[in-house]
């Protein structure tokens, strides 16, 4: 994630040892480890909550057919006239009559 190699980490530790001192460095490292652990636990908890919500949404398959039905009912077929203008969509009943009239002819 951070792409820190061995020599970068060693340099950070030497600078920390000089700035903080050998007496306080172990306590600081322990405190930092606890903070990182708590942060990881919180992130893990949020991920689990998101996964649980997504799984609950996928299990409710009763909505999928209803959504598909509404999508089919609201789909528009746009037609262009000779000048390239968009004509309004034809009602479904008129389309059915035109289709039967065309098939009869």
PDB file of N, CA and C in Angstrom:
ATOM      1  N   UNK A   1       0.829  -1.189   0.000  1.00  0.00           N
ATOM      2  CA  UNK A   1       0.000   0.000   0.000  1.00  0.00           C
ATOM      3  C   UNK A   1       0.873   1.252   0.000  1.00  0.00           C
ATOM      4  N   UNK A   2       1.813   1.332   0.936  1.00  0.00           N
ATOM      5  CA  UNK A   2       2.667   2.502   0.997  1.00  0.00           C
ATOM      6  C   UNK A   2       3.979   2.269   0.253  1.00  0.00           C
ATOM      7  N   UNK A   3       4.285   1.026  -0.081  1.00  0.00           N
ATOM      8  CA  UNK A   3       5.498   0.653  -0.795  1.00  0.00           C
ATOM      9  C   UNK A   3       6.739   1.162  -0.071  1.00  0.00           C
ATOM     10  N   UNK A   4       6.850   0.774   1.208  1.00  0.00           N
ATOM     11  CA  UNK A   4       8.019   1.135   2.015  1.00  0.00           C
ATOM     12  C   UNK A   4       8.924  -0.085   2.083  1.00  0.00           C
ATOM     13  N   UNK A   5      10.159   0.073   1.653  1.00  0.00           N
ATOM     14  CA  UNK A   5      11.128  -1.012   1.680  1.00  0.00           C
ATOM     15  C   UNK A   5      11.859  -1.073   3.010  1.00  0.00           C
ATOM     16  N   UNK A   6      12.813  -2.001   3.076  1.00  0.00           N
ATOM     17  CA  UNK A   6      13.568  -2.210   4.304  1.00  0.00           C
ATOM     18  C   UNK A   6      14.368  -0.978   4.696  1.00  0.00           C
ATOM     19  N   UNK A   7      15.072  -0.366   3.731  1.00  0.00           N
ATOM     20  CA  UNK A   7      15.941   0.755   4.055  1.00  0.00           C
ATOM     21  C   UNK A   7      15.148   1.997   4.457  1.00  0.00           C
ATOM     22  N   UNK A   8      13.981   2.202   3.856  1.00  0.00           N
ATOM     23  CA  UNK A   8      13.132   3.328   4.272  1.00  0.00           C
ATOM     24  C   UNK A   8      12.644   3.128   5.702  1.00  0.00           C
ATOM     25  N   UNK A   9      12.234   1.885   6.014  1.00  0.00           N
ATOM     26  CA  UNK A   9      11.765   1.575   7.368  1.00  0.00           C
ATOM     27  C   UNK A   9      12.894   1.709   8.386  1.00  0.00           C
ATOM     28  N   UNK A  10      14.101   1.276   8.028  1.00  0.00           N
ATOM     29  CA  UNK A  10      15.242   1.402   8.939  1.00  0.00           C
ATOM     30  C   UNK A  10      15.571   2.874   9.194  1.00  0.00           C
ATOM     31  N   UNK A  11      15.501   3.700   8.160  1.00  0.00           N
ATOM     32  CA  UNK A  11      15.767   5.129   8.318  1.00  0.00           C
ATOM     33  C   UNK A  11      14.718   5.783   9.230  1.00  0.00           C
ATOM     34  N   UNK A  12      13.459   5.410   9.055  1.00  0.00           N
ATOM     35  CA  UNK A  12      12.388   5.947   9.914  1.00  0.00           C
ATOM     36  C   UNK A  12      12.633   5.553  11.365  1.00  0.00           C
ATOM     37  N   UNK A  13      13.042   4.299  11.604  1.00  0.00           N
ATOM     38  CA  UNK A  13      13.286   3.837  12.975  1.00  0.00           C
ATOM     39  C   UNK A  13      14.470   4.576  13.605  1.00  0.00           C
ATOM     40  N   UNK A  14      15.531   4.820  12.839  1.00  0.00           N
ATOM     41  CA  UNK A  14      16.698   5.542  13.379  1.00  0.00           C
ATOM     42  C   UNK A  14      16.314   6.970  13.731  1.00  0.00           C
ATOM     43  N   UNK A  15      15.563   7.647  12.853  1.00  0.00           N
ATOM     44  CA  UNK A  15      15.133   9.019  13.133  1.00  0.00           C
ATOM     45  C   UNK A  15      14.214   9.043  14.349  1.00  0.00           C
ATOM     46  N   UNK A  16      13.289   8.075  14.433  1.00  0.00           N
ATOM     47  CA  UNK A  16      12.385   8.014  15.591  1.00  0.00           C
ATOM     48  C   UNK A  16      13.163   7.766  16.871  1.00  0.00           C
ATOM     49  N   UNK A  17      14.168   6.915  16.816  1.00  0.00           N
ATOM     50  CA  UNK A  17      14.989   6.639  17.997  1.00  0.00           C
ATOM     51  C   UNK A  17      15.728   7.883  18.449  1.00  0.00           C
ATOM     52  N   UNK A  18      16.228   8.682  17.508  1.00  0.00           N
ATOM     53  CA  UNK A  18      16.956   9.903  17.874  1.00  0.00           C
ATOM     54  C   UNK A  18      16.005  10.981  18.380  1.00  0.00           C
ATOM     55  N   UNK A  19      14.823  11.115  17.781  1.00  0.00           N
ATOM     56  CA  UNK A  19      13.899  12.180  18.167  1.00  0.00           C
ATOM     57  C   UNK A  19      13.181  11.838  19.468  1.00  0.00           C
ATOM     58  N   UNK A  20      12.667  10.639  19.573  1.00  0.00           N
ATOM     59  CA  UNK A  20      11.844  10.263  20.738  1.00  0.00           C
ATOM     60  C   UNK A  20      12.705   9.785  21.899  1.00  0.00           C
ATOM     61  N   UNK A  21      13.737   9.058  21.580  1.00  0.00           N
ATOM     62  CA  UNK A  21      14.608   8.543  22.635  1.00  0.00           C
ATOM     63  C   UNK A  21      14.311   7.085  22.898  1.00  0.00           C
ATOM     64  N   UNK A  22      15.306   6.375  23.394  1.00  0.00           N
ATOM     65  CA  UNK A  22      15.143   4.928  23.612  1.00  0.00           C
ATOM     66  C   UNK A  22      14.187   4.590  24.761  1.00  0.00           C
ATOM     67  N   UNK A  23      13.967   5.538  25.690  1.00  0.00           N
ATOM     68  CA  UNK A  23      13.094   5.237  26.822  1.00  0.00           C
ATOM     69  C   UNK A  23      11.620   5.230  26.414  1.00  0.00           C
ATOM     70  N   UNK A  24      11.225   6.171  25.546  1.00  0.00           N
ATOM     71  CA  UNK A  24       9.802   6.324  25.203  1.00  0.00           C
ATOM     72  C   UNK A  24       9.411   5.600  23.917  1.00  0.00           C
ATOM     73  N   UNK A  25      10.381   5.124  23.140  1.00  0.00           N
ATOM     74  CA  UNK A  25      10.080   4.499  21.855  1.00  0.00           C
ATOM     75  C   UNK A  25       9.233   3.220  21.983  1.00  0.00           C
ATOM     76  N   UNK A  26       9.518   2.292  22.909  1.00  0.00           N
ATOM     77  CA  UNK A  26       8.676   1.087  23.011  1.00  0.00           C
ATOM     78  C   UNK A  26       7.216   1.403  23.364  1.00  0.00           C
ATOM     79  N   UNK A  27       7.014   2.358  24.267  1.00  0.00           N
ATOM     80  CA  UNK A  27       5.637   2.739  24.629  1.00  0.00           C
ATOM     81  C   UNK A  27       4.900   3.374  23.461  1.00  0.00           C
ATOM     82  N   UNK A  28       5.605   4.197  22.694  1.00  0.00           N
ATOM     83  CA  UNK A  28       5.009   4.829  21.523  1.00  0.00           C
ATOM     84  C   UNK A  28       4.656   3.782  20.462  1.00  0.00           C
ATOM     85  N   UNK A  29       5.552   2.816  20.259  1.00  0.00           N
ATOM     86  CA  UNK A  29       5.289   1.754  19.286  1.00  0.00           C
ATOM     87  C   UNK A  29       4.070   0.931  19.712  1.00  0.00           C
ATOM     88  N   UNK A  30       3.949   0.645  20.989  1.00  0.00           N
ATOM     89  CA  UNK A  30       2.801  -0.113  21.500  1.00  0.00           C
ATOM     90  C   UNK A  30       1.507   0.662  21.292  1.00  0.00           C
ATOM     91  N   UNK A  31       1.529   1.958  21.602  1.00  0.00           N
ATOM     92  CA  UNK A  31       0.334   2.797  21.427  1.00  0.00           C
ATOM     93  C   UNK A  31      -0.050   2.893  19.951  1.00  0.00           C
ATOM     94  N   UNK A  32       0.939   3.063  19.086  1.00  0.00           N
ATOM     95  CA  UNK A  32       0.652   3.134  17.652  1.00  0.00           C
ATOM     96  C   UNK A  32       0.072   1.817  17.157  1.00  0.00           C
ATOM     97  N   UNK A  33       0.588   0.703  17.641  1.00  0.00           N
ATOM     98  CA  UNK A  33       0.051  -0.608  17.266  1.00  0.00           C
ATOM     99  C   UNK A  33      -1.389  -0.778  17.690  1.00  0.00           C
ATOM    100  N   UNK A  34      -1.722  -0.301  18.886  1.00  0.00           N
ATOM    101  CA  UNK A  34      -3.115  -0.379  19.354  1.00  0.00           C
ATOM    102  C   UNK A  34      -4.035   0.472  18.484  1.00  0.00           C
ATOM    103  N   UNK A  35      -3.594   1.662  18.124  1.00  0.00           N
ATOM    104  CA  UNK A  35      -4.414   2.532  17.258  1.00  0.00           C
ATOM    105  C   UNK A  35      -4.646   1.895  15.894  1.00  0.00           C
ATOM    106  N   UNK A  36      -3.564   1.335  15.308  1.00  0.00           N
ATOM    107  CA  UNK A  36      -3.713   0.681  14.016  1.00  0.00           C
ATOM    108  C   UNK A  36      -4.644  -0.528  14.118  1.00  0.00           C
ATOM    109  N   UNK A  37      -4.547  -1.259  15.209  1.00  0.00           N
ATOM    110  CA  UNK A  37      -5.437  -2.410  15.418  1.00  0.00           C
ATOM    111  C   UNK A  37      -6.892  -1.989  15.517  1.00  0.00           C
ATOM    112  N   UNK A  38      -7.153  -0.905  16.256  1.00  0.00           N
ATOM    113  CA  UNK A  38      -8.527  -0.410  16.366  1.00  0.00           C
ATOM    114  C   UNK A  38      -9.048   0.091  15.030  1.00  0.00           C
ATOM    115  N   UNK A  39      -8.178   0.749  14.260  1.00  0.00           N
ATOM    116  CA  UNK A  39      -8.588   1.241  12.942  1.00  0.00           C
ATOM    117  C   UNK A  39      -8.916   0.069  12.019  1.00  0.00           C
ATOM    118  N   UNK A  40      -8.108  -0.982  12.042  1.00  0.00           N
ATOM    119  CA  UNK A  40      -8.380  -2.149  11.213  1.00  0.00           C
ATOM    120  C   UNK A  40      -9.681  -2.827  11.625  1.00  0.00           C
ATOM    121  N   UNK A  41      -9.930  -2.915  12.924  1.00  0.00           N
ATOM    122  CA  UNK A  41     -11.176  -3.526  13.387  1.00  0.00           C
ATOM    123  C   UNK A  41     -12.385  -2.711  12.942  1.00  0.00           C
ATOM    124  N   UNK A  42     -12.270  -1.393  12.991  1.00  0.00           N
ATOM    125  CA  UNK A  42     -13.376  -0.539  12.559  1.00  0.00           C
ATOM    126  C   UNK A  42     -13.616  -0.687  11.058  1.00  0.00           C
ATOM    127  N   UNK A  43     -12.560  -0.722  10.260  1.00  0.00           N
ATOM    128  CA  UNK A  43     -12.702  -0.891   8.811  1.00  0.00           C
ATOM    129  C   UNK A  43     -13.315  -2.252   8.497  1.00  0.00           C
ATOM    130  N   UNK A  44     -12.881  -3.284   9.183  1.00  0.00           N
ATOM    131  CA  UNK A  44     -13.432  -4.616   8.987  1.00  0.00           C
ATOM    132  C   UNK A  44     -14.922  -4.640   9.319  1.00  0.00           C
ATOM    133  N   UNK A  45     -15.298  -3.954  10.386  1.00  0.00           N
ATOM    134  CA  UNK A  45     -16.704  -3.892  10.780  1.00  0.00           C
ATOM    135  C   UNK A  45     -17.551  -3.189   9.728  1.00  0.00           C
ATOM    136  N   UNK A  46     -17.035  -2.091   9.186  1.00  0.00           N
ATOM    137  CA  UNK A  46     -17.773  -1.361   8.152  1.00  0.00           C
ATOM    138  C   UNK A  46     -17.924  -2.224   6.899  1.00  0.00           C
ATOM    139  N   UNK A  47     -16.850  -2.931   6.513  1.00  0.00           N
ATOM    140  CA  UNK A  47     -16.925  -3.808   5.344  1.00  0.00           C
ATOM    141  C   UNK A  47     -17.963  -4.910   5.552  1.00  0.00           C
ATOM    142  N   UNK A  48     -17.994  -5.491   6.738  1.00  0.00           N
ATOM    143  CA  UNK A  48     -18.972  -6.541   7.021  1.00  0.00           C
ATOM    144  C   UNK A  48     -20.386  -5.996   6.968  1.00  0.00           C
ATOM    145  N   UNK A  49     -20.612  -4.792   7.481  1.00  0.00           N
ATOM    146  CA  UNK A  49     -21.935  -4.180   7.423  1.00  0.00           C
ATOM    147  C   UNK A  49     -22.368  -3.937   5.980  1.00  0.00           C
ATOM    148  N   UNK A  50     -21.451  -3.449   5.165  1.00  0.00           N
ATOM    149  CA  UNK A  50     -21.774  -3.199   3.756  1.00  0.00           C
ATOM    150  C   UNK A  50     -22.087  -4.514   3.044  1.00  0.00           C
ATOM    151  N   UNK A  51     -21.267  -5.540   3.265  1.00  0.00           N
ATOM    152  CA  UNK A  51     -21.525  -6.837   2.639  1.00  0.00           C
ATOM    153  C   UNK A  51     -22.859  -7.419   3.087  1.00  0.00           C
ATOM    154  N   UNK A  52     -23.170  -7.274   4.362  1.00  0.00           N
ATOM    155  CA  UNK A  52     -24.443  -7.783   4.880  1.00  0.00           C
ATOM    156  C   UNK A  52     -25.624  -7.065   4.227  1.00  0.00           C
ATOM    157  N   UNK A  53     -25.530  -5.758   4.060  1.00  0.00           N
ATOM    158  CA  UNK A  53     -26.607  -5.002   3.429  1.00  0.00           C
ATOM    159  C   UNK A  53     -26.761  -5.369   1.957  1.00  0.00           C
ATOM    160  N   UNK A  54     -25.639  -5.561   1.268  1.00  0.00           N
ATOM    161  CA  UNK A  54     -25.709  -5.948  -0.139  1.00  0.00           C
ATOM    162  C   UNK A  54     -26.304  -7.337  -0.293  1.00  0.00           C
ATOM    163  N   UNK A  55     -25.945  -8.257   0.592  1.00  0.00           N
ATOM    164  CA  UNK A  55     -26.518  -9.597   0.537  1.00  0.00           C
ATOM    165  C   UNK A  55     -28.009  -9.569   0.829  1.00  0.00           C
ATOM    166  N   UNK A  56     -28.426  -8.735   1.760  1.00  0.00           N
ATOM    167  CA  UNK A  56     -29.852  -8.634   2.083  1.00  0.00           C
ATOM    168  C   UNK A  56     -30.621  -8.054   0.901  1.00  0.00           C
ATOM    169  N   UNK A  57     -30.017  -7.111   0.182  1.00  0.00           N
ATOM    170  CA  UNK A  57     -30.675  -6.532  -0.980  1.00  0.00           C
ATOM    171  C   UNK A  57     -30.792  -7.526  -2.117  1.00  0.00           C
ATOM    172  N   UNK A  58     -29.811  -8.413  -2.266  1.00  0.00           N
ATOM    173  CA  UNK A  58     -29.849  -9.404  -3.339  1.00  0.00           C
ATOM    174  C   UNK A  58     -30.830 -10.525  -3.044  1.00  0.00           C
ATOM    175  N   UNK A  59     -31.081 -10.805  -1.788  1.00  0.00           N
ATOM    176  CA  UNK A  59     -31.988 -11.892  -1.423  1.00  0.00           C
ATOM    177  C   UNK A  59     -33.442 -11.536  -1.680  1.00  0.00           C
ATOM    178  N   UNK A  60     -33.736 -10.260  -1.749  1.00  0.00           N
ATOM    179  CA  UNK A  60     -35.115  -9.834  -1.973  1.00  0.00           C
ATOM    180  C   UNK A  60     -35.397  -9.876  -3.473  1.00  0.00           C
ATOM    181  N   UNK A  61     -35.565 -11.091  -3.995  1.00  0.00           N
ATOM    182  CA  UNK A  61     -35.744 -11.257  -5.435  1.00  0.00           C
ATOM    183  C   UNK A  61     -37.147 -10.908  -5.885  1.00  0.00           C
ATOM    184  N   UNK A  62     -38.058 -10.623  -4.980  1.00  0.00           N
ATOM    185  CA  UNK A  62     -39.411 -10.244  -5.360  1.00  0.00           C
ATOM    186  C   UNK A  62     -39.450  -8.914  -6.074  1.00  0.00           C
ATOM    187  N   UNK A  63     -38.468  -8.063  -5.844  1.00  0.00           N
ATOM    188  CA  UNK A  63     -38.446  -6.759  -6.494  1.00  0.00           C
ATOM    189  C   UNK A  63     -37.910  -6.819  -7.917  1.00  0.00           C
ATOM    190  N   UNK A  64     -37.080  -7.784  -8.213  1.00  0.00           N
ATOM    191  CA  UNK A  64     -36.448  -7.844  -9.528  1.00  0.00           C
ATOM    192  C   UNK A  64     -37.482  -8.013 -10.645  1.00  0.00           C
ATOM    193  N   UNK A  65     -38.430  -8.943 -10.559  1.00  0.00           N
ATOM    194  CA  UNK A  65     -39.421  -9.040 -11.632  1.00  0.00           C
ATOM    195  C   UNK A  65     -40.272  -7.777 -11.752  1.00  0.00           C
ATOM    196  N   UNK A  66     -40.578  -7.171 -10.637  1.00  0.00           N
ATOM    197  CA  UNK A  66     -41.378  -5.939 -10.671  1.00  0.00           C
ATOM    198  C   UNK A  66     -40.611  -4.816 -11.356  1.00  0.00           C
ATOM    199  N   UNK A  67     -39.328  -4.697 -11.055  1.00  0.00           N
ATOM    200  CA  UNK A  67     -38.496  -3.665 -11.685  1.00  0.00           C
ATOM    201  C   UNK A  67     -38.397  -3.925 -13.185  1.00  0.00           C
ATOM    202  N   UNK A  68     -38.213  -5.180 -13.574  1.00  0.00           N
ATOM    203  CA  UNK A  68     -38.129  -5.511 -14.998  1.00  0.00           C
ATOM    204  C   UNK A  68     -39.438  -5.205 -15.713  1.00  0.00           C
ATOM    205  N   UNK A  69     -40.560  -5.465 -15.062  1.00  0.00           N
ATOM    206  CA  UNK A  69     -41.866  -5.185 -15.662  1.00  0.00           C
ATOM    207  C   UNK A  69     -42.043  -3.680 -15.882  1.00  0.00           C
ATOM    208  N   UNK A  70     -41.678  -2.884 -14.891  1.00  0.00           N
ATOM    209  CA  UNK A  70     -41.789  -1.428 -15.011  1.00  0.00           C
ATOM    210  C   UNK A  70     -40.863  -0.910 -16.104  1.00  0.00           C
ATOM    211  N   UNK A  71     -39.664  -1.478 -16.190  1.00  0.00           N
ATOM    212  CA  UNK A  71     -38.723  -1.053 -17.224  1.00  0.00           C
ATOM    213  C   UNK A  71     -39.281  -1.342 -18.611  1.00  0.00           C
ATOM    214  N   UNK A  72     -39.916  -2.495 -18.798  1.00  0.00           N
ATOM    215  CA  UNK A  72     -40.502  -2.823 -20.092  1.00  0.00           C
ATOM    216  C   UNK A  72     -41.677  -1.903 -20.425  1.00  0.00           C
ATOM    217  N   UNK A  73     -42.477  -1.582 -19.417  1.00  0.00           N
ATOM    218  CA  UNK A  73     -43.643  -0.732 -19.647  1.00  0.00           C
ATOM    219  C   UNK A  73     -43.256   0.694 -19.995  1.00  0.00           C
ATOM    220  N   UNK A  74     -42.132   1.151 -19.488  1.00  0.00           N
ATOM    221  CA  UNK A  74     -41.747   2.546 -19.702  1.00  0.00           C
ATOM    222  C   UNK A  74     -40.735   2.721 -20.824  1.00  0.00           C
ATOM    223  N   UNK A  75     -40.392   1.626 -21.512  1.00  0.00           N
ATOM    224  CA  UNK A  75     -39.421   1.731 -22.606  1.00  0.00           C
ATOM    225  C   UNK A  75     -40.070   2.447 -23.790  1.00  0.00           C
ATOM    226  N   UNK A  76     -39.355   3.410 -24.370  1.00  0.00           N
ATOM    227  CA  UNK A  76     -39.867   4.179 -25.506  1.00  0.00           C
ATOM    228  C   UNK A  76     -39.108   3.782 -26.768  1.00  0.00           C
ATOM    229  N   UNK A  77     -39.854   3.717 -27.849  1.00  0.00           N
ATOM    230  CA  UNK A  77     -39.242   3.547 -29.164  1.00  0.00           C
ATOM    231  C   UNK A  77     -39.403   4.863 -29.893  1.00  0.00           C
ATOM    232  N   UNK A  78     -38.307   5.510 -30.170  1.00  0.00           N
ATOM    233  CA  UNK A  78     -38.357   6.785 -30.858  1.00  0.00           C
ATOM    234  C   UNK A  78     -38.219   6.556 -32.357  1.00  0.00           C
ATOM    235  N   UNK A  79     -39.037   7.273 -33.114  1.00  0.00           N
ATOM    236  CA  UNK A  79     -39.005   7.188 -34.560  1.00  0.00           C
ATOM    237  C   UNK A  79     -38.662   8.556 -35.116  1.00  0.00           C
ATOM    238  N   UNK A  80     -37.937   8.575 -36.220  1.00  0.00           N
ATOM    239  CA  UNK A  80     -37.566   9.821 -36.874  1.00  0.00           C
ATOM    240  C   UNK A  80     -38.409   9.997 -38.131  1.00  0.00           C
ATOM    241  N   UNK A  81     -38.820  11.243 -38.363  1.00  0.00           N
ATOM    242  CA  UNK A  81     -39.527  11.514 -39.616  1.00  0.00           C
ATOM    243  C   UNK A  81     -38.492  11.815 -40.709  1.00  0.00           C
ATOM    244  N   UNK A  82     -38.956  12.222 -41.892  1.00  0.00           N
ATOM    245  CA  UNK A  82     -38.065  12.447 -43.033  1.00  0.00           C
ATOM    246  C   UNK A  82     -37.060  13.562 -42.771  1.00  0.00           C
ATOM    247  N   UNK A  83     -37.429  14.559 -41.953  1.00  0.00           N
ATOM    248  CA  UNK A  83     -36.526  15.678 -41.692  1.00  0.00           C
ATOM    249  C   UNK A  83     -35.575  15.404 -40.530  1.00  0.00           C
ATOM    250  N   UNK A  84     -35.686  14.253 -39.892  1.00  0.00           N
ATOM    251  CA  UNK A  84     -34.804  13.910 -38.788  1.00  0.00           C
ATOM    252  C   UNK A  84     -35.337  14.308 -37.427  1.00  0.00           C
ATOM    253  N   UNK A  85     -36.564  14.820 -37.358  1.00  0.00           N
ATOM    254  CA  UNK A  85     -37.179  15.194 -36.084  1.00  0.00           C
ATOM    255  C   UNK A  85     -37.684  13.935 -35.371  1.00  0.00           C
ATOM    256  N   UNK A  86     -37.590  13.943 -34.060  1.00  0.00           N
ATOM    257  CA  UNK A  86     -38.071  12.799 -33.278  1.00  0.00           C
ATOM    258  C   UNK A  86     -39.574  12.905 -33.146  1.00  0.00           C
ATOM    259  N   UNK A  87     -40.258  11.817 -33.520  1.00  0.00           N
ATOM    260  CA  UNK A  87     -41.713  11.760 -33.377  1.00  0.00           C
ATOM    261  C   UNK A  87     -42.035  11.263 -31.979  1.00  0.00           C
ATOM    262  N   UNK A  88     -43.176  11.651 -31.421  1.00  0.00           N
ATOM    263  CA  UNK A  88     -43.540  11.142 -30.095  1.00  0.00           C
ATOM    264  C   UNK A  88     -43.792   9.642 -30.161  1.00  0.00           C
ATOM    265  N   UNK A  89     -43.597   8.956 -29.045  1.00  0.00           N
ATOM    266  CA  UNK A  89     -43.816   7.507 -29.045  1.00  0.00           C
ATOM    267  C   UNK A  89     -45.283   7.180 -29.285  1.00  0.00           C
ATOM    268  N   UNK A  90     -45.499   6.067 -29.950  1.00  0.00           N
ATOM    269  CA  UNK A  90     -46.860   5.637 -30.222  1.00  0.00           C
ATOM    270  C   UNK A  90     -47.393   4.876 -29.022  1.00  0.00           C
ATOM    271  N   UNK A  91     -48.655   5.035 -28.691  1.00  0.00           N
ATOM    272  CA  UNK A  91     -49.226   4.249 -27.593  1.00  0.00           C
ATOM    273  C   UNK A  91     -49.185   2.766 -27.925  1.00  0.00           C
ATOM    274  N   UNK A  92     -49.152   1.944 -26.918  1.00  0.00           N
ATOM    275  CA  UNK A  92     -49.018   0.500 -27.107  1.00  0.00           C
ATOM    276  C   UNK A  92     -50.215  -0.080 -27.850  1.00  0.00           C
ATOM    277  N   UNK A  93     -51.435   0.409 -27.592  1.00  0.00           N
ATOM    278  CA  UNK A  93     -52.624  -0.110 -28.247  1.00  0.00           C
ATOM    279  C   UNK A  93     -52.572   0.190 -29.738  1.00  0.00           C
ATOM    280  N   UNK A  94     -52.146   1.393 -30.125  1.00  0.00           N
ATOM    281  CA  UNK A  94     -52.056   1.757 -31.532  1.00  0.00           C
ATOM    282  C   UNK A  94     -51.021   0.894 -32.247  1.00  0.00           C
ATOM    283  N   UNK A  95     -49.939   0.565 -31.585  1.00  0.00           N
ATOM    284  CA  UNK A  95     -48.915  -0.278 -32.185  1.00  0.00           C
ATOM    285  C   UNK A  95     -49.481  -1.659 -32.482  1.00  0.00           C
ATOM    286  N   UNK A  96     -50.242  -2.195 -31.538  1.00  0.00           N
ATOM    287  CA  UNK A  96     -50.814  -3.516 -31.734  1.00  0.00           C
ATOM    288  C   UNK A  96     -51.773  -3.511 -32.921  1.00  0.00           C
ATOM    289  N   UNK A  97     -52.596  -2.451 -33.058  1.00  0.00           N
ATOM    290  CA  UNK A  97     -53.530  -2.352 -34.188  1.00  0.00           C
ATOM    291  C   UNK A  97     -52.758  -2.213 -35.502  1.00  0.00           C
ATOM    292  N   UNK A  98     -51.695  -1.419 -35.504  1.00  0.00           N
ATOM    293  CA  UNK A  98     -50.912  -1.215 -36.729  1.00  0.00           C
ATOM    294  C   UNK A  98     -50.224  -2.528 -37.115  1.00  0.00           C
ATOM    295  N   UNK A  99     -49.773  -3.279 -36.143  1.00  0.00           N
ATOM    296  CA  UNK A  99     -49.098  -4.521 -36.434  1.00  0.00           C
ATOM    297  C   UNK A  99     -50.074  -5.510 -37.055  1.00  0.00           C
ATOM    298  N   UNK A 100     -51.297  -5.586 -36.503  1.00  0.00           N
ATOM    299  CA  UNK A 100     -52.288  -6.505 -37.058  1.00  0.00           C
ATOM    300  C   UNK A 100     -52.738  -6.031 -38.433  1.00  0.00           C
ATOM    301  N   UNK A 101     -52.830  -4.720 -38.666  1.00  0.00           N
ATOM    302  CA  UNK A 101     -53.229  -4.195 -39.969  1.00  0.00           C
ATOM    303  C   UNK A 101     -52.144  -4.502 -40.991  1.00  0.00           C
ATOM    304  N   UNK A 102     -50.883  -4.371 -40.616  1.00  0.00           N
ATOM    305  CA  UNK A 102     -49.788  -4.645 -41.538  1.00  0.00           C
ATOM    306  C   UNK A 102     -49.736  -6.129 -41.899  1.00  0.00           C
ATOM    307  N   UNK A 103     -49.987  -6.982 -40.901  1.00  0.00           N
ATOM    308  CA  UNK A 103     -49.914  -8.416 -41.159  1.00  0.00           C
ATOM    309  C   UNK A 103     -51.089  -8.868 -42.039  1.00  0.00           C
ATOM    310  N   UNK A 104     -52.233  -8.165 -41.946  1.00  0.00           N
ATOM    311  CA  UNK A 104     -53.386  -8.501 -42.792  1.00  0.00           C
ATOM    312  C   UNK A 104     -53.154  -8.078 -44.231  1.00  0.00           C
ATOM    313  N   UNK A 105     -52.410  -7.004 -44.419  1.00  0.00           N
ATOM    314  CA  UNK A 105     -52.221  -6.461 -45.782  1.00  0.00           C
ATOM    315  C   UNK A 105     -51.225  -7.238 -46.574  1.00  0.00           C
TER     316      UNK A 105
END
